[in-house]
């Protein structure tokens, strides 16, 4: 009997050992298949590598998701938790940045970059080759500097506009005194996606010729508008050029009389013609500036389909034109003839035949100026410029918003107790804005100024 009991005990012991070994084996199998923990170690490491790569590319929202996946495997990892905090802080994309040196440096134009962020064209005196140089910088969407480049020679070069090109690069339009044929020529720079110069062109003759705006046309070509003293009939004439994507001139035309006539902006109509705005002294008996708008045939530019001037007894001018979503056009500028103060923001909506739909002025008792206008994704209009009627200092940047009918929505002043200027804006993905311009430093010089603002033009802290 005792031998039988011993055999039974040995068998039970052996069975227990077999079951235990089985549990260990299957436990390891379950763990390896993710049934006992949420992720395999190698999968967890893959999430971490992916997260670090996304973080290095500043894609913080995507990186945050990947780091959170890593936490399923490493819930108490200090590095991962620190990276999650860093991502969360960076996702708050509000910012205010200044760039510059000891001289006058000004942001002039801004465009949304092809790969996210913003590209700014500026004029700088603090660094470069001499006088004023063109300076272009790329910021990411959090305002961090990706790259910056200087362009210019020993004399003055200035930027007035920047637009994207379909190949991932940019056109920068302005003027040059160093290059070209005359006293000052239109200067067009073609940059690649990294800001390196692909080519440059000058347009002009012996006197002053300046490019102020460039727009991309539906046929793949471009229209440039500005001022010429080398050509035309008077002291200064509107100069309009149509060029190819490689800078070749398709045609050029001047418009004007015996006095100063300047083209400030150009837009394309639905029928492929061009709407041009600026100001004219030639068609007012008092020789003061009137706001001037004309429609020009777009194929060869040789005929004016109609022309209109708007204004009063004092100086009035248009600085911008915008094709509105209803097929009409919004004109913006500055007026001394109408409004409340020394000079007010002036806004007109016109039909494609030039007939006025409505007219608005915005401003106080001081000087209130418009530099740039955009139509938002909601269909409203936002104007950027500067004001002495309100704000914290002698002159503040300001944003003004009107609805599609010209009804006032809001305004906001931005700046310090010194001079601050807004020159251009773009709308952001969160329906806010990024504005560029210039701000006065503690030492009294001007720096390039870039701000991210909410949908009511305010800074968020």
Protein backbone atom coordinates (compact mmCIF):
# COMPACT_ATOMS: atom_id res chain seq x y z
CA UNK A 1 0.00 0.00 0.00
CA UNK A 2 2.76 2.44 0.86
CA UNK A 3 4.48 1.87 -2.50
CA UNK A 4 1.21 2.67 -4.32
CA UNK A 5 0.71 5.87 -2.32
CA UNK A 6 4.30 6.90 -3.12
CA UNK A 7 3.73 6.30 -6.78
CA UNK A 8 0.53 8.36 -6.69
CA UNK A 9 2.28 11.22 -4.93
CA UNK A 10 5.10 11.18 -7.45
CA UNK A 11 2.62 11.20 -10.30
CA UNK A 12 0.73 14.16 -8.78
CA UNK A 13 3.98 16.03 -8.26
CA UNK A 14 5.02 15.38 -11.82
CA UNK A 15 1.59 16.52 -13.10
CA UNK A 16 1.83 19.70 -11.06
CA UNK A 17 5.24 20.46 -12.51
CA UNK A 18 3.91 19.88 -16.04
CA UNK A 19 0.94 22.22 -15.41
CA UNK A 20 3.22 24.89 -13.92
CA UNK A 21 5.58 24.70 -16.88
CA UNK A 22 2.59 24.91 -19.21
CA UNK A 23 1.27 27.98 -17.44
CA UNK A 24 4.66 29.66 -17.70
CA UNK A 25 4.93 28.74 -21.38
CA UNK A 26 1.41 29.89 -22.26
CA UNK A 27 1.77 33.00 -20.13
CA UNK A 28 4.82 33.97 -22.13
CA UNK A 29 2.94 33.17 -25.31
CA UNK A 30 -0.03 35.34 -24.26
CA UNK A 31 2.29 38.14 -23.26
CA UNK A 32 4.15 37.91 -26.56
CA UNK A 33 0.84 38.17 -28.39
CA UNK A 34 -0.26 41.21 -26.44
CA UNK A 35 -2.91 39.41 -24.37
CA UNK A 36 -1.44 40.16 -20.96
CA UNK A 37 -0.04 43.68 -21.74
CA UNK A 38 -1.22 46.21 -24.28
CA UNK A 39 1.78 46.17 -26.60
CA UNK A 40 4.87 44.16 -27.47
CA UNK A 41 8.19 45.69 -26.53
CA UNK A 42 9.23 45.96 -30.20
CA UNK A 43 5.91 47.59 -31.13
CA UNK A 44 6.32 50.01 -28.25
CA UNK A 45 9.78 50.89 -29.51
CA UNK A 46 8.30 51.50 -32.96
CA UNK A 47 5.79 53.97 -31.51
CA UNK A 48 8.63 55.77 -29.74
CA UNK A 49 10.72 56.06 -32.90
CA UNK A 50 7.70 57.33 -34.82
CA UNK A 51 6.89 59.86 -32.08
CA UNK A 52 10.45 61.17 -31.97
CA UNK A 53 10.51 61.55 -35.75
CA UNK A 54 7.23 63.48 -35.74
CA UNK A 55 8.48 65.66 -32.91
CA UNK A 56 11.66 66.48 -34.84
CA UNK A 57 9.44 67.57 -37.78
CA UNK A 58 7.43 69.78 -35.36
CA UNK A 59 4.24 67.80 -36.07
CA UNK A 60 3.32 68.04 -32.43
CA UNK A 61 -0.29 66.84 -32.57
CA UNK A 62 0.67 63.63 -34.40
CA UNK A 63 3.69 63.16 -32.14
CA UNK A 64 1.43 63.50 -29.09
CA UNK A 65 -0.75 60.61 -30.27
CA UNK A 66 2.29 58.39 -30.80
CA UNK A 67 3.78 59.23 -27.39
CA UNK A 68 0.45 58.36 -25.79
CA UNK A 69 0.60 54.97 -27.51
CA UNK A 70 4.04 54.44 -25.96
CA UNK A 71 2.52 55.04 -22.52
CA UNK A 72 0.40 51.90 -22.96
CA UNK A 73 3.65 49.95 -22.76
CA UNK A 74 5.65 52.28 -20.52
CA UNK A 75 3.16 54.04 -18.26
CA UNK A 76 5.79 55.60 -15.99
CA UNK A 77 8.49 56.46 -18.52
CA UNK A 78 9.89 59.88 -17.57
CA UNK A 79 11.14 60.71 -21.06
CA UNK A 80 7.80 59.94 -22.70
CA UNK A 81 5.87 61.96 -20.13
CA UNK A 82 8.24 64.90 -20.62
CA UNK A 83 7.76 64.74 -24.40
CA UNK A 84 3.99 64.69 -23.95
CA UNK A 85 4.19 67.88 -21.89
CA UNK A 86 6.41 69.47 -24.57
CA UNK A 87 3.95 68.52 -27.34
CA UNK A 88 1.02 69.93 -25.39
CA UNK A 89 2.80 73.25 -24.89
CA UNK A 90 3.73 73.49 -28.57
CA UNK A 91 0.21 72.74 -29.80
CA UNK A 92 -0.77 76.11 -28.35
CA UNK A 93 0.25 77.94 -31.53
CA UNK A 94 -0.09 81.54 -30.36
CA UNK A 95 3.09 83.56 -30.71
CA UNK A 96 4.63 86.99 -31.05
CA UNK A 97 8.09 87.35 -32.58
CA UNK A 98 10.43 90.19 -33.52
CA UNK A 99 13.44 90.02 -35.82
CA UNK A 100 15.98 92.71 -36.54
CA UNK A 101 19.10 94.60 -35.57
CA UNK A 102 20.03 98.15 -34.71
CA UNK A 103 18.60 99.85 -37.82
CA UNK A 104 15.21 100.01 -39.54
CA UNK A 105 13.78 96.55 -40.34
CA UNK A 106 10.18 96.15 -41.55
CA UNK A 107 7.90 93.24 -42.45
CA UNK A 108 6.21 94.06 -45.76
CA UNK A 109 4.23 91.04 -46.99
CA UNK A 110 3.27 87.56 -45.79
CA UNK A 111 2.01 84.35 -47.41
CA UNK A 112 1.08 80.91 -46.08
CA UNK A 113 3.95 78.51 -46.81
CA UNK A 114 3.45 75.43 -48.98
CA UNK A 115 4.38 73.05 -46.15
CA UNK A 116 2.76 74.95 -43.26
CA UNK A 117 3.92 78.05 -41.48
CA UNK A 118 4.48 81.44 -43.05
CA UNK A 119 6.91 83.17 -45.39
CA UNK A 120 7.55 86.87 -44.85
CA UNK A 121 9.18 89.38 -47.19
CA UNK A 122 10.84 92.25 -45.36
CA UNK A 123 13.11 95.24 -45.88
CA UNK A 124 16.17 95.40 -43.63
CA UNK A 125 18.92 97.93 -43.00
CA UNK A 126 20.54 96.12 -40.05
CA UNK A 127 22.32 93.51 -42.14
CA UNK A 128 23.10 92.77 -45.77
CA UNK A 129 25.29 94.25 -48.46
CA UNK A 130 24.38 97.92 -48.27
CA UNK A 131 21.54 100.38 -47.84
CA UNK A 132 18.26 98.48 -47.64
CA UNK A 133 18.15 94.78 -48.57
CA UNK A 134 15.30 92.39 -49.26
CA UNK A 135 15.02 89.81 -46.48
CA UNK A 136 12.84 86.68 -46.67
CA UNK A 137 12.19 84.39 -43.71
CA UNK A 138 10.26 81.16 -43.23
CA UNK A 139 8.57 80.54 -39.87
CA UNK A 140 6.84 77.34 -38.82
CA UNK A 141 3.25 77.57 -37.59
CA UNK A 142 4.49 78.21 -34.04
CA UNK A 143 6.59 81.16 -35.14
CA UNK A 144 9.96 79.39 -34.92
CA UNK A 145 12.47 80.38 -37.60
CA UNK A 146 13.12 77.69 -40.24
CA UNK A 147 15.31 79.79 -42.53
CA UNK A 148 16.09 83.37 -43.50
CA UNK A 149 17.94 84.82 -46.49
CA UNK A 150 19.15 88.23 -47.67
CA UNK A 151 19.10 89.56 -51.24
CA UNK A 152 20.62 92.79 -52.47
CA UNK A 153 23.63 94.77 -53.54
CA UNK A 154 25.45 97.91 -52.45
CA UNK A 155 22.47 100.26 -52.91
CA UNK A 156 18.79 100.04 -51.88
CA UNK A 157 16.62 97.01 -52.65
CA UNK A 158 13.07 96.76 -51.36
CA UNK A 159 10.30 94.13 -51.25
CA UNK A 160 6.63 95.02 -51.64
CA UNK A 161 4.89 91.70 -52.25
CA UNK A 162 5.36 87.92 -51.99
CA UNK A 163 3.21 85.13 -53.46
CA UNK A 164 3.47 81.36 -53.75
CA UNK A 165 4.21 79.67 -57.07
CA UNK A 166 2.78 76.28 -58.12
CA UNK A 167 6.22 74.59 -58.09
CA UNK A 168 6.58 75.04 -54.32
CA UNK A 169 8.55 78.25 -54.50
CA UNK A 170 7.83 81.97 -54.21
CA UNK A 171 7.89 85.22 -56.18
CA UNK A 172 9.16 88.31 -54.37
CA UNK A 173 8.37 91.63 -56.08
CA UNK A 174 9.91 94.99 -55.34
CA UNK A 175 12.57 97.35 -56.66
CA UNK A 176 16.34 97.57 -57.04
CA UNK A 177 18.84 100.40 -57.32
CA UNK A 178 21.87 98.10 -57.61
CA UNK A 179 20.83 96.06 -60.61
CA UNK A 180 18.91 96.88 -63.78
CA UNK A 181 19.14 99.74 -66.25
CA UNK A 182 18.05 102.86 -64.42
CA UNK A 183 17.73 104.88 -61.26
CA UNK A 184 15.39 102.20 -59.82
CA UNK A 185 13.93 99.17 -61.58
CA UNK A 186 11.21 96.65 -60.86
CA UNK A 187 12.91 93.61 -59.33
CA UNK A 188 11.40 90.11 -59.40
CA UNK A 189 13.03 87.25 -57.49
CA UNK A 190 12.12 83.60 -58.01
CA UNK A 191 12.90 81.56 -54.89
CA UNK A 192 12.71 77.81 -54.33
CA UNK A 193 11.05 76.23 -51.29
CA UNK A 194 14.16 76.86 -49.17
CA UNK A 195 14.45 80.50 -50.16
CA UNK A 196 17.40 80.00 -52.51
CA UNK A 197 17.29 82.27 -55.55
CA UNK A 198 16.45 80.39 -58.76
CA UNK A 199 16.58 83.50 -60.95
CA UNK A 200 15.92 87.23 -60.95
CA UNK A 201 14.59 89.72 -63.49
CA UNK A 202 14.57 93.50 -63.70
CA UNK A 203 12.10 95.62 -65.66
CA UNK A 204 12.62 99.30 -66.34
CA UNK A 205 14.59 101.99 -68.06
CA UNK A 206 16.56 105.10 -67.10
CA UNK A 207 14.32 106.53 -64.37
CA UNK A 208 12.32 105.21 -61.39
CA UNK A 209 10.24 102.06 -61.92
CA UNK A 210 8.74 100.18 -58.95
CA UNK A 211 6.72 96.96 -58.66
CA UNK A 212 4.02 97.03 -55.98
CA UNK A 213 1.83 93.93 -56.49
CA UNK A 214 1.95 90.64 -58.36
CA UNK A 215 -0.94 88.22 -58.92
CA UNK A 216 -1.18 84.73 -60.43
CA UNK A 217 -3.57 84.49 -63.38
CA UNK A 218 -5.79 81.62 -64.41
CA UNK A 219 -3.78 80.98 -67.59
CA UNK A 220 -0.63 80.32 -65.53
CA UNK A 221 0.94 83.72 -66.21
CA UNK A 222 1.33 86.68 -63.83
CA UNK A 223 0.36 90.35 -63.73
CA UNK A 224 2.62 92.99 -62.15
CA UNK A 225 1.44 96.51 -61.37
CA UNK A 226 3.34 99.53 -60.14
CA UNK A 227 4.78 102.90 -61.10
CA UNK A 228 6.95 104.03 -64.01
CA UNK A 229 8.73 107.28 -64.67
CA UNK A 230 10.67 105.82 -67.58
CA UNK A 231 7.59 105.36 -69.74
CA UNK A 232 4.17 106.97 -70.15
CA UNK A 233 2.84 110.50 -70.36
CA UNK A 234 3.35 112.25 -67.04
CA UNK A 235 5.36 112.66 -63.86
CA UNK A 236 4.59 109.04 -63.04
CA UNK A 237 2.27 106.54 -64.73
CA UNK A 238 0.63 103.25 -63.90
CA UNK A 239 2.72 100.41 -65.33
CA UNK A 240 1.07 97.02 -65.92
CA UNK A 241 3.01 93.99 -67.16
CA UNK A 242 1.90 90.48 -68.01
CA UNK A 243 4.73 87.97 -67.67
CA UNK A 244 5.28 84.23 -68.04
CA UNK A 245 6.19 81.95 -65.14
CA UNK A 246 9.87 82.34 -66.07
CA UNK A 247 9.69 86.15 -66.09
CA UNK A 248 9.39 86.78 -69.82
CA UNK A 249 7.30 89.83 -70.77
CA UNK A 250 4.14 88.96 -72.72
CA UNK A 251 3.00 92.59 -72.88
CA UNK A 252 3.31 95.85 -70.99
CA UNK A 253 1.04 98.87 -70.83
CA UNK A 254 1.02 102.30 -69.18
CA UNK A 255 -1.97 104.35 -68.09
CA UNK A 256 -2.06 107.95 -66.92
CA UNK A 257 -2.07 111.63 -67.71
CA UNK A 258 0.25 114.55 -67.08
CA UNK A 259 0.45 114.24 -63.26
CA UNK A 260 1.16 111.39 -60.81
CA UNK A 261 -0.81 108.19 -61.53
CA UNK A 262 0.14 105.03 -59.64
CA UNK A 263 -1.10 101.43 -59.79
CA UNK A 264 -1.31 99.87 -56.33
CA UNK A 265 -2.96 96.48 -56.88
CA UNK A 266 -4.43 94.24 -59.57
CA UNK A 267 -6.97 91.39 -59.65
CA UNK A 268 -8.32 89.12 -62.35
CA UNK A 269 -12.00 89.10 -63.34
CA UNK A 270 -14.00 85.96 -64.10
CA UNK A 271 -13.85 86.76 -67.84
CA UNK A 272 -10.03 86.87 -67.82
CA UNK A 273 -9.61 90.65 -67.82
CA UNK A 274 -7.78 92.73 -65.22
CA UNK A 275 -9.08 95.14 -62.58
CA UNK A 276 -6.49 97.68 -61.51
CA UNK A 277 -6.65 100.17 -58.62
CA UNK A 278 -4.47 103.00 -57.39
CA UNK A 279 -4.69 106.76 -57.49
CA UNK A 280 -4.63 109.54 -60.06
CA UNK A 281 -3.89 113.26 -59.95
CA UNK A 282 -4.31 113.72 -63.70
CA UNK A 283 -8.11 113.67 -63.88
CA UNK A 284 -8.96 115.96 -60.97
CA UNK A 285 -8.99 119.71 -61.81
CA UNK A 286 -7.48 120.45 -58.38
CA UNK A 287 -4.58 118.02 -59.01
CA UNK A 288 -5.30 116.14 -55.77
CA UNK A 289 -5.35 112.36 -55.73
CA UNK A 290 -8.55 110.46 -56.42
CA UNK A 291 -9.06 106.74 -56.00
CA UNK A 292 -8.74 105.22 -59.47
CA UNK A 293 -10.06 101.89 -60.77
CA UNK A 294 -10.08 100.58 -64.32
CA UNK A 295 -10.84 97.38 -66.17
CA UNK A 296 -8.26 96.42 -68.79
CA UNK A 297 -8.54 93.79 -71.51
CA UNK A 298 -6.40 90.87 -70.35
CA UNK A 299 -5.19 89.18 -73.54
CA UNK A 300 -2.91 91.94 -74.89
CA UNK A 301 -3.77 94.76 -72.46
CA UNK A 302 -4.18 97.34 -75.21
CA UNK A 303 -7.70 98.55 -74.41
CA UNK A 304 -9.32 100.04 -71.33
CA UNK A 305 -12.82 98.61 -71.02
CA UNK A 306 -13.85 101.29 -68.51
CA UNK A 307 -12.33 103.61 -65.94
CA UNK A 308 -13.70 105.33 -62.82
CA UNK A 309 -12.40 107.76 -60.23
CA UNK A 310 -13.83 108.12 -56.73
CA UNK A 311 -13.07 110.84 -54.25
CA UNK A 312 -13.79 114.27 -52.88
CA UNK A 313 -12.03 117.59 -52.42
CA UNK A 314 -9.01 116.17 -50.60
CA UNK A 315 -6.56 113.30 -51.09
CA UNK A 316 -8.12 109.87 -51.62
CA UNK A 317 -6.50 106.67 -52.89
CA UNK A 318 -6.99 102.94 -53.24
CA UNK A 319 -4.32 100.57 -51.96
CA UNK A 320 -5.96 97.19 -52.61
CA UNK A 321 -8.55 95.27 -54.61
CA UNK A 322 -10.16 91.94 -53.77
CA UNK A 323 -12.44 89.76 -55.89
CA UNK A 324 -15.32 88.97 -53.54
CA UNK A 325 -17.03 85.60 -53.49
CA UNK A 326 -20.19 87.02 -55.11
CA UNK A 327 -18.33 88.06 -58.28
CA UNK A 328 -18.03 91.76 -57.43
CA UNK A 329 -14.97 93.63 -56.14
CA UNK A 330 -13.92 95.22 -52.86
CA UNK A 331 -11.67 98.28 -53.00
CA UNK A 332 -9.86 99.50 -49.92
CA UNK A 333 -7.72 102.54 -49.31
CA UNK A 334 -7.49 105.82 -47.46
CA UNK A 335 -9.56 109.00 -47.61
CA UNK A 336 -9.25 112.55 -46.36
CA UNK A 337 -12.47 113.66 -48.05
CA UNK A 338 -14.85 111.43 -46.09
CA UNK A 339 -15.04 109.96 -42.58
CA UNK A 340 -14.43 111.28 -39.10
CA UNK A 341 -10.82 112.39 -38.85
CA UNK A 342 -7.58 113.48 -40.48
CA UNK A 343 -7.57 110.34 -42.64
CA UNK A 344 -9.80 107.28 -42.52
CA UNK A 345 -9.87 103.76 -43.92
CA UNK A 346 -12.01 103.81 -47.05
CA UNK A 347 -13.83 100.80 -48.46
CA UNK A 348 -16.02 100.47 -51.56
CA UNK A 349 -17.84 97.57 -53.14
CA UNK A 350 -18.36 97.85 -56.89
CA UNK A 351 -19.93 95.82 -59.67
CA UNK A 352 -17.73 94.47 -62.44
CA UNK A 353 -18.86 97.44 -64.54
CA UNK A 354 -17.48 99.91 -61.97
CA UNK A 355 -20.79 101.00 -60.45
CA UNK A 356 -20.67 101.56 -56.71
CA UNK A 357 -22.72 99.18 -54.52
CA UNK A 358 -21.76 100.70 -51.16
CA UNK A 359 -19.11 102.84 -49.51
CA UNK A 360 -17.84 102.76 -45.90
CA UNK A 361 -15.28 104.63 -43.82
CA UNK A 362 -13.75 103.47 -40.54
CA UNK A 363 -11.71 105.63 -38.19
CA UNK A 364 -11.58 108.17 -35.41
CA UNK A 365 -10.29 111.71 -35.06
CA UNK A 366 -6.69 110.79 -35.90
CA UNK A 367 -5.08 109.15 -38.91
CA UNK A 368 -6.31 105.64 -39.72
CA UNK A 369 -4.78 103.83 -42.69
CA UNK A 370 -5.37 100.56 -44.58
CA UNK A 371 -2.41 98.55 -45.90
CA UNK A 372 -3.94 95.20 -46.82
CA UNK A 373 -7.30 93.40 -47.00
CA UNK A 374 -8.47 89.78 -47.12
CA UNK A 375 -11.81 88.01 -47.29
CA UNK A 376 -12.06 85.41 -44.54
CA UNK A 377 -13.40 81.87 -44.84
CA UNK A 378 -16.64 83.17 -43.26
CA UNK A 379 -17.07 85.74 -46.03
CA UNK A 380 -16.17 88.78 -43.92
CA UNK A 381 -13.48 91.35 -44.74
CA UNK A 382 -10.49 92.07 -42.50
CA UNK A 383 -8.28 95.11 -43.05
CA UNK A 384 -4.84 95.63 -41.51
CA UNK A 385 -3.15 99.00 -41.16
CA UNK A 386 -2.28 101.58 -38.53
CA UNK A 387 -4.09 104.10 -36.36
CA UNK A 388 -3.40 107.21 -34.29
CA UNK A 389 -7.05 107.48 -33.18
CA UNK A 390 -6.86 104.75 -30.54
CA UNK A 391 -4.48 102.31 -28.93
CA UNK A 392 -1.60 102.35 -26.50
CA UNK A 393 0.89 104.58 -28.29
CA UNK A 394 1.63 107.29 -30.81
CA UNK A 395 0.73 104.92 -33.64
CA UNK A 396 -0.62 101.39 -33.34
CA UNK A 397 -1.21 98.55 -35.74
CA UNK A 398 -4.88 97.73 -36.04
CA UNK A 399 -7.27 95.23 -37.56
CA UNK A 400 -10.80 96.12 -38.67
CA UNK A 401 -13.44 93.56 -39.62
CA UNK A 402 -16.58 94.19 -41.71
CA UNK A 403 -19.27 91.77 -42.81
CA UNK A 404 -20.09 91.03 -46.44
CA UNK A 405 -22.45 94.05 -46.56
CA UNK A 406 -19.89 96.43 -45.06
CA UNK A 407 -21.37 96.33 -41.57
CA UNK A 408 -18.86 96.93 -38.78
CA UNK A 409 -18.00 93.80 -36.76
CA UNK A 410 -14.97 94.65 -34.62
CA UNK A 411 -11.64 96.46 -34.50
CA UNK A 412 -8.55 95.92 -32.42
CA UNK A 413 -5.39 97.94 -31.79
CA UNK A 414 -2.03 96.26 -31.29
CA UNK A 415 1.19 97.77 -30.04
CA UNK A 416 3.17 99.53 -27.37
CA UNK A 417 3.50 103.19 -26.42
CA UNK A 418 5.72 103.79 -29.45
CA UNK A 419 5.14 103.36 -33.20
CA UNK A 420 3.77 99.99 -34.38
CA UNK A 421 2.60 99.29 -37.93
CA UNK A 422 0.61 96.46 -39.51
CA UNK A 423 1.24 95.83 -43.20
CA UNK A 424 -0.11 92.39 -44.18
CA UNK A 425 -2.09 89.43 -42.84
CA UNK A 426 -3.06 85.86 -43.71
CA UNK A 427 -5.86 83.76 -42.25
CA UNK A 428 -4.82 80.67 -40.27
CA UNK A 429 -6.37 77.21 -40.03
CA UNK A 430 -7.96 78.11 -36.68
CA UNK A 431 -9.76 81.09 -38.34
CA UNK A 432 -7.37 83.53 -36.72
CA UNK A 433 -4.63 85.57 -38.37
CA UNK A 434 -0.89 85.97 -38.62
CA UNK A 435 0.10 89.61 -39.11
CA UNK A 436 3.42 91.14 -40.07
CA UNK A 437 4.62 94.71 -39.83
CA UNK A 438 7.10 96.58 -37.67
CA UNK A 439 7.42 97.55 -34.01
CA UNK A 440 9.63 100.07 -32.23
CA UNK A 441 12.23 98.57 -29.92
CA UNK A 442 13.36 99.96 -26.56
CA UNK A 443 16.35 101.49 -28.37
CA UNK A 444 14.09 103.34 -30.80
CA UNK A 445 14.73 101.40 -34.02
CA UNK A 446 12.15 99.34 -35.92
CA UNK A 447 12.09 95.51 -35.95
CA UNK A 448 10.17 93.06 -38.11
CA UNK A 449 7.06 92.10 -36.14
CA UNK A 450 5.06 88.85 -36.53
CA UNK A 451 2.02 87.98 -34.39
CA UNK A 452 -0.48 85.15 -34.23
CA UNK A 453 -3.94 86.54 -33.41
CA UNK A 454 -7.33 84.99 -32.73
CA UNK A 455 -10.40 85.41 -34.95
CA UNK A 456 -11.14 88.82 -33.40
CA UNK A 457 -7.62 90.10 -33.96
CA UNK A 458 -6.49 89.75 -30.35
CA UNK A 459 -3.41 88.16 -28.87
CA UNK A 460 -4.04 85.04 -26.77
CA UNK A 461 -1.85 84.37 -23.76
